[in-house]
Amino acid sequence: MAISLSVVLLLAIILVVMIRAGSIKAGPAIVAVLFGFFLASTGMAPSIQRFLDSIAQSINSISF
């Protein structure tokens, strides 16, 4: 839960920065947000979550 919340927050910040910088307009940004929202309610959501969890675990296991 904490990882998914921080990823959502990070992506929201990136989206706001991109809109303010003019890299992406508000219309396509809204479409992307709605796509993500509806994708989360499909059968693919658990697979995507497992993929993101494995990436987070891989990054976490890297020791410097």
PDB file of N, CA and C in Angstrom:
ATOM      1  N   MET A   1       0.826  -1.195   0.000  1.00  0.00           N
ATOM      2  CA  MET A   1       0.000   0.000   0.000  1.00  0.00           C
ATOM      3  C   MET A   1       0.864   1.249   0.000  1.00  0.00           C
ATOM      4  N   ALA A   2       1.894   1.274   0.826  1.00  0.00           N
ATOM      5  CA  ALA A   2       2.730   2.469   0.909  1.00  0.00           C
ATOM      6  C   ALA A   2       3.470   2.709  -0.398  1.00  0.00           C
ATOM      7  N   ILE A   3       3.880   1.615  -1.063  1.00  0.00           N
ATOM      8  CA  ILE A   3       4.592   1.769  -2.333  1.00  0.00           C
ATOM      9  C   ILE A   3       3.650   2.301  -3.396  1.00  0.00           C
ATOM     10  N   SER A   4       2.449   1.762  -3.489  1.00  0.00           N
ATOM     11  CA  SER A   4       1.522   2.213  -4.530  1.00  0.00           C
ATOM     12  C   SER A   4       1.094   3.653  -4.293  1.00  0.00           C
ATOM     13  N   LEU A   5       0.935   4.036  -3.034  1.00  0.00           N
ATOM     14  CA  LEU A   5       0.571   5.419  -2.733  1.00  0.00           C
ATOM     15  C   LEU A   5       1.694   6.361  -3.116  1.00  0.00           C
ATOM     16  N   SER A   6       2.933   5.995  -2.836  1.00  0.00           N
ATOM     17  CA  SER A   6       4.043   6.866  -3.190  1.00  0.00           C
ATOM     18  C   SER A   6       4.238   6.929  -4.705  1.00  0.00           C
ATOM     19  N   VAL A   7       3.961   5.840  -5.414  1.00  0.00           N
ATOM     20  CA  VAL A   7       4.055   5.856  -6.871  1.00  0.00           C
ATOM     21  C   VAL A   7       2.980   6.767  -7.445  1.00  0.00           C
ATOM     22  N   VAL A   8       1.775   6.684  -6.915  1.00  0.00           N
ATOM     23  CA  VAL A   8       0.691   7.558  -7.379  1.00  0.00           C
ATOM     24  C   VAL A   8       1.042   9.017  -7.127  1.00  0.00           C
ATOM     25  N   LEU A   9       1.587   9.303  -5.969  1.00  0.00           N
ATOM     26  CA  LEU A   9       1.974  10.670  -5.654  1.00  0.00           C
ATOM     27  C   LEU A   9       3.083  11.162  -6.575  1.00  0.00           C
ATOM     28  N   LEU A  10       4.075  10.328  -6.824  1.00  0.00           N
ATOM     29  CA  LEU A  10       5.166  10.688  -7.725  1.00  0.00           C
ATOM     30  C   LEU A  10       4.649  10.945  -9.135  1.00  0.00           C
ATOM     31  N   LEU A  11       3.791  10.069  -9.636  1.00  0.00           N
ATOM     32  CA  LEU A  11       3.247  10.255 -10.975  1.00  0.00           C
ATOM     33  C   LEU A  11       2.366  11.499 -11.056  1.00  0.00           C
ATOM     34  N   ALA A  12       1.636  11.799  -9.998  1.00  0.00           N
ATOM     35  CA  ALA A  12       0.814  13.017  -9.982  1.00  0.00           C
ATOM     36  C   ALA A  12       1.692  14.263 -10.038  1.00  0.00           C
ATOM     37  N   ILE A  13       2.795  14.256  -9.306  1.00  0.00           N
ATOM     38  CA  ILE A  13       3.710  15.399  -9.331  1.00  0.00           C
ATOM     39  C   ILE A  13       4.324  15.561 -10.719  1.00  0.00           C
ATOM     40  N   ILE A  14       4.736  14.442 -11.328  1.00  0.00           N
ATOM     41  CA  ILE A  14       5.306  14.502 -12.678  1.00  0.00           C
ATOM     42  C   ILE A  14       4.273  15.041 -13.662  1.00  0.00           C
ATOM     43  N   LEU A  15       3.024  14.606 -13.538  1.00  0.00           N
ATOM     44  CA  LEU A  15       1.964  15.063 -14.424  1.00  0.00           C
ATOM     45  C   LEU A  15       1.729  16.560 -14.275  1.00  0.00           C
ATOM     46  N   VAL A  16       1.692  17.053 -13.054  1.00  0.00           N
ATOM     47  CA  VAL A  16       1.497  18.488 -12.827  1.00  0.00           C
ATOM     48  C   VAL A  16       2.659  19.292 -13.407  1.00  0.00           C
ATOM     49  N   VAL A  17       3.873  18.820 -13.212  1.00  0.00           N
ATOM     50  CA  VAL A  17       5.045  19.514 -13.756  1.00  0.00           C
ATOM     51  C   VAL A  17       4.988  19.541 -15.279  1.00  0.00           C
ATOM     52  N   MET A  18       4.600  18.421 -15.892  1.00  0.00           N
ATOM     53  CA  MET A  18       4.519  18.369 -17.347  1.00  0.00           C
ATOM     54  C   MET A  18       3.434  19.291 -17.894  1.00  0.00           C
ATOM     55  N   ILE A  19       2.316  19.387 -17.205  1.00  0.00           N
ATOM     56  CA  ILE A  19       1.252  20.293 -17.638  1.00  0.00           C
ATOM     57  C   ILE A  19       1.714  21.739 -17.516  1.00  0.00           C
ATOM     58  N   ARG A  20       2.349  22.074 -16.404  1.00  0.00           N
ATOM     59  CA  ARG A  20       2.801  23.453 -16.190  1.00  0.00           C
ATOM     60  C   ARG A  20       3.923  23.840 -17.135  1.00  0.00           C
ATOM     61  N   ALA A  21       4.764  22.886 -17.520  1.00  0.00           N
ATOM     62  CA  ALA A  21       5.872  23.180 -18.431  1.00  0.00           C
ATOM     63  C   ALA A  21       5.413  23.221 -19.884  1.00  0.00           C
ATOM     64  N   GLY A  22       4.202  22.793 -20.148  1.00  0.00           N
ATOM     65  CA  GLY A  22       3.693  22.797 -21.507  1.00  0.00           C
ATOM     66  C   GLY A  22       4.081  21.565 -22.299  1.00  0.00           C
ATOM     67  N   SER A  23       4.687  20.570 -21.643  1.00  0.00           N
ATOM     68  CA  SER A  23       5.068  19.336 -22.332  1.00  0.00           C
ATOM     69  C   SER A  23       3.846  18.513 -22.716  1.00  0.00           C
ATOM     70  N   ILE A  24       2.806  18.630 -21.927  1.00  0.00           N
ATOM     71  CA  ILE A  24       1.566  17.897 -22.191  1.00  0.00           C
ATOM     72  C   ILE A  24       0.409  18.833 -21.861  1.00  0.00           C
ATOM     73  N   LYS A  25      -0.598  18.795 -22.692  1.00  0.00           N
ATOM     74  CA  LYS A  25      -1.772  19.645 -22.479  1.00  0.00           C
ATOM     75  C   LYS A  25      -2.721  18.961 -21.498  1.00  0.00           C
ATOM     76  N   ALA A  26      -3.651  19.725 -20.990  1.00  0.00           N
ATOM     77  CA  ALA A  26      -4.576  19.215 -19.972  1.00  0.00           C
ATOM     78  C   ALA A  26      -5.471  18.109 -20.527  1.00  0.00           C
ATOM     79  N   GLY A  27      -5.909  18.213 -21.769  1.00  0.00           N
ATOM     80  CA  GLY A  27      -6.793  17.197 -22.359  1.00  0.00           C
ATOM     81  C   GLY A  27      -6.166  15.820 -22.389  1.00  0.00           C
ATOM     82  N   PRO A  28      -4.971  15.673 -23.007  1.00  0.00           N
ATOM     83  CA  PRO A  28      -4.330  14.362 -23.000  1.00  0.00           C
ATOM     84  C   PRO A  28      -3.996  13.858 -21.597  1.00  0.00           C
ATOM     85  N   ALA A  29      -3.696  14.768 -20.681  1.00  0.00           N
ATOM     86  CA  ALA A  29      -3.403  14.360 -19.305  1.00  0.00           C
ATOM     87  C   ALA A  29      -4.647  13.765 -18.649  1.00  0.00           C
ATOM     88  N   ILE A  30      -5.796  14.376 -18.893  1.00  0.00           N
ATOM     89  CA  ILE A  30      -7.046  13.852 -18.328  1.00  0.00           C
ATOM     90  C   ILE A  30      -7.356  12.488 -18.921  1.00  0.00           C
ATOM     91  N   VAL A  31      -7.127  12.330 -20.234  1.00  0.00           N
ATOM     92  CA  VAL A  31      -7.353  11.036 -20.874  1.00  0.00           C
ATOM     93  C   VAL A  31      -6.432   9.980 -20.260  1.00  0.00           C
ATOM     94  N   ALA A  32      -5.165  10.330 -20.012  1.00  0.00           N
ATOM     95  CA  ALA A  32      -4.220   9.380 -19.412  1.00  0.00           C
ATOM     96  C   ALA A  32      -4.655   8.990 -18.003  1.00  0.00           C
ATOM     97  N   VAL A  33      -5.122   9.948 -17.229  1.00  0.00           N
ATOM     98  CA  VAL A  33      -5.585   9.663 -15.869  1.00  0.00           C
ATOM     99  C   VAL A  33      -6.808   8.754 -15.913  1.00  0.00           C
ATOM    100  N   LEU A  34      -7.745   9.047 -16.793  1.00  0.00           N
ATOM    101  CA  LEU A  34      -8.938   8.207 -16.905  1.00  0.00           C
ATOM    102  C   LEU A  34      -8.590   6.804 -17.393  1.00  0.00           C
ATOM    103  N   PHE A  35      -7.647   6.705 -18.317  1.00  0.00           N
ATOM    104  CA  PHE A  35      -7.200   5.390 -18.781  1.00  0.00           C
ATOM    105  C   PHE A  35      -6.638   4.581 -17.619  1.00  0.00           C
ATOM    106  N   GLY A  36      -5.802   5.198 -16.807  1.00  0.00           N
ATOM    107  CA  GLY A  36      -5.239   4.512 -15.650  1.00  0.00           C
ATOM    108  C   GLY A  36      -6.307   4.108 -14.647  1.00  0.00           C
ATOM    109  N   PHE A  37      -7.283   4.998 -14.461  1.00  0.00           N
ATOM    110  CA  PHE A  37      -8.371   4.700 -13.527  1.00  0.00           C
ATOM    111  C   PHE A  37      -9.172   3.491 -13.983  1.00  0.00           C
ATOM    112  N   PHE A  38      -9.532   3.454 -15.261  1.00  0.00           N
ATOM    113  CA  PHE A  38     -10.314   2.335 -15.769  1.00  0.00           C
ATOM    114  C   PHE A  38      -9.472   1.076 -15.917  1.00  0.00           C
ATOM    115  N   LEU A  39      -8.194   1.211 -16.199  1.00  0.00           N
ATOM    116  CA  LEU A  39      -7.311   0.052 -16.272  1.00  0.00           C
ATOM    117  C   LEU A  39      -7.202  -0.623 -14.911  1.00  0.00           C
ATOM    118  N   ALA A  40      -7.257   0.167 -13.850  1.00  0.00           N
ATOM    119  CA  ALA A  40      -7.156  -0.382 -12.494  1.00  0.00           C
ATOM    120  C   ALA A  40      -8.355  -1.245 -12.140  1.00  0.00           C
ATOM    121  N   SER A  41      -9.462  -1.082 -12.842  1.00  0.00           N
ATOM    122  CA  SER A  41     -10.649  -1.875 -12.522  1.00  0.00           C
ATOM    123  C   SER A  41     -10.799  -3.086 -13.437  1.00  0.00           C
ATOM    124  N   THR A  42      -9.807  -3.346 -14.273  1.00  0.00           N
ATOM    125  CA  THR A  42      -9.874  -4.500 -15.169  1.00  0.00           C
ATOM    126  C   THR A  42      -9.184  -5.706 -14.546  1.00  0.00           C
ATOM    127  N   GLY A  43      -9.195  -6.800 -15.264  1.00  0.00           N
ATOM    128  CA  GLY A  43      -8.531  -8.009 -14.812  1.00  0.00           C
ATOM    129  C   GLY A  43      -7.017  -7.913 -14.883  1.00  0.00           C
ATOM    130  N   MET A  44      -6.501  -6.920 -15.587  1.00  0.00           N
ATOM    131  CA  MET A  44      -5.047  -6.749 -15.698  1.00  0.00           C
ATOM    132  C   MET A  44      -4.437  -6.104 -14.455  1.00  0.00           C
ATOM    133  N   ALA A  45      -5.252  -5.519 -13.616  1.00  0.00           N
ATOM    134  CA  ALA A  45      -4.744  -4.786 -12.454  1.00  0.00           C
ATOM    135  C   ALA A  45      -3.856  -5.629 -11.540  1.00  0.00           C
ATOM    136  N   PRO A  46      -4.216  -6.865 -11.195  1.00  0.00           N
ATOM    137  CA  PRO A  46      -3.327  -7.659 -10.333  1.00  0.00           C
ATOM    138  C   PRO A  46      -1.969  -7.950 -10.978  1.00  0.00           C
ATOM    139  N   SER A  47      -1.963  -8.204 -12.286  1.00  0.00           N
ATOM    140  CA  SER A  47      -0.694  -8.467 -12.982  1.00  0.00           C
ATOM    141  C   SER A  47       0.193  -7.231 -12.988  1.00  0.00           C
ATOM    142  N   ILE A  48      -0.411  -6.083 -13.231  1.00  0.00           N
ATOM    143  CA  ILE A  48       0.346  -4.830 -13.227  1.00  0.00           C
ATOM    144  C   ILE A  48       0.888  -4.563 -11.833  1.00  0.00           C
ATOM    145  N   GLN A  49       0.073  -4.819 -10.806  1.00  0.00           N
ATOM    146  CA  GLN A  49       0.511  -4.600  -9.432  1.00  0.00           C
ATOM    147  C   GLN A  49       1.675  -5.514  -9.067  1.00  0.00           C
ATOM    148  N   ARG A  50       1.606  -6.784  -9.465  1.00  0.00           N
ATOM    149  CA  ARG A  50       2.708  -7.712  -9.201  1.00  0.00           C
ATOM    150  C   ARG A  50       3.980  -7.261  -9.909  1.00  0.00           C
ATOM    151  N   PHE A  51       3.845  -6.784 -11.149  1.00  0.00           N
ATOM    152  CA  PHE A  51       5.003  -6.288 -11.899  1.00  0.00           C
ATOM    153  C   PHE A  51       5.637  -5.094 -11.197  1.00  0.00           C
ATOM    154  N   LEU A  52       4.817  -4.138 -10.773  1.00  0.00           N
ATOM    155  CA  LEU A  52       5.343  -2.961 -10.078  1.00  0.00           C
ATOM    156  C   LEU A  52       5.956  -3.337  -8.732  1.00  0.00           C
ATOM    157  N   ASP A  53       5.346  -4.304  -8.045  1.00  0.00           N
ATOM    158  CA  ASP A  53       5.912  -4.769  -6.772  1.00  0.00           C
ATOM    159  C   ASP A  53       7.271  -5.428  -6.973  1.00  0.00           C
ATOM    160  N   SER A  54       7.410  -6.210  -8.045  1.00  0.00           N
ATOM    161  CA  SER A  54       8.701  -6.856  -8.300  1.00  0.00           C
ATOM    162  C   SER A  54       9.773  -5.830  -8.657  1.00  0.00           C
ATOM    163  N   ILE A  55       9.394  -4.794  -9.380  1.00  0.00           N
ATOM    164  CA  ILE A  55      10.359  -3.722  -9.685  1.00  0.00           C
ATOM    165  C   ILE A  55      10.774  -3.019  -8.397  1.00  0.00           C
ATOM    166  N   ALA A  56       9.804  -2.730  -7.537  1.00  0.00           N
ATOM    167  CA  ALA A  56      10.116  -2.060  -6.272  1.00  0.00           C
ATOM    168  C   ALA A  56      11.009  -2.925  -5.395  1.00  0.00           C
ATOM    169  N   GLN A  57      10.762  -4.226  -5.363  1.00  0.00           N
ATOM    170  CA  GLN A  57      11.603  -5.122  -4.575  1.00  0.00           C
ATOM    171  C   GLN A  57      13.010  -5.207  -5.155  1.00  0.00           C
ATOM    172  N   SER A  58      13.113  -5.203  -6.473  1.00  0.00           N
ATOM    173  CA  SER A  58      14.432  -5.242  -7.116  1.00  0.00           C
ATOM    174  C   SER A  58      15.235  -3.988  -6.787  1.00  0.00           C
ATOM    175  N   ILE A  59      14.572  -2.841  -6.859  1.00  0.00           N
ATOM    176  CA  ILE A  59      15.257  -1.582  -6.530  1.00  0.00           C
ATOM    177  C   ILE A  59      15.649  -1.574  -5.063  1.00  0.00           C
ATOM    178  N   ASN A  60      14.770  -2.086  -4.213  1.00  0.00           N
ATOM    179  CA  ASN A  60      15.036  -2.108  -2.778  1.00  0.00           C
ATOM    180  C   ASN A  60      16.197  -3.042  -2.424  1.00  0.00           C
ATOM    181  N   SER A  61      16.377  -4.108  -3.199  1.00  0.00           N
ATOM    182  CA  SER A  61      17.430  -5.066  -2.883  1.00  0.00           C
ATOM    183  C   SER A  61      18.800  -4.631  -3.367  1.00  0.00           C
ATOM    184  N   ILE A  62      18.866  -3.586  -4.175  1.00  0.00           N
ATOM    185  CA  ILE A  62      20.167  -3.091  -4.641  1.00  0.00           C
ATOM    186  C   ILE A  62      20.866  -2.419  -3.471  1.00  0.00           C
ATOM    187  N   SER A  63      22.053  -2.891  -3.160  1.00  0.00           N
ATOM    188  CA  SER A  63      22.803  -2.279  -2.065  1.00  0.00           C
ATOM    189  C   SER A  63      24.081  -1.657  -2.627  1.00  0.00           C
ATOM    190  N   PHE A  64      24.366  -0.516  -2.136  1.00  0.00           N
ATOM    191  CA  PHE A  64      25.543   0.232  -2.635  1.00  0.00           C
ATOM    192  C   PHE A  64      26.712   0.032  -1.742  1.00  0.00           C
TER     193      PHE A  64
END
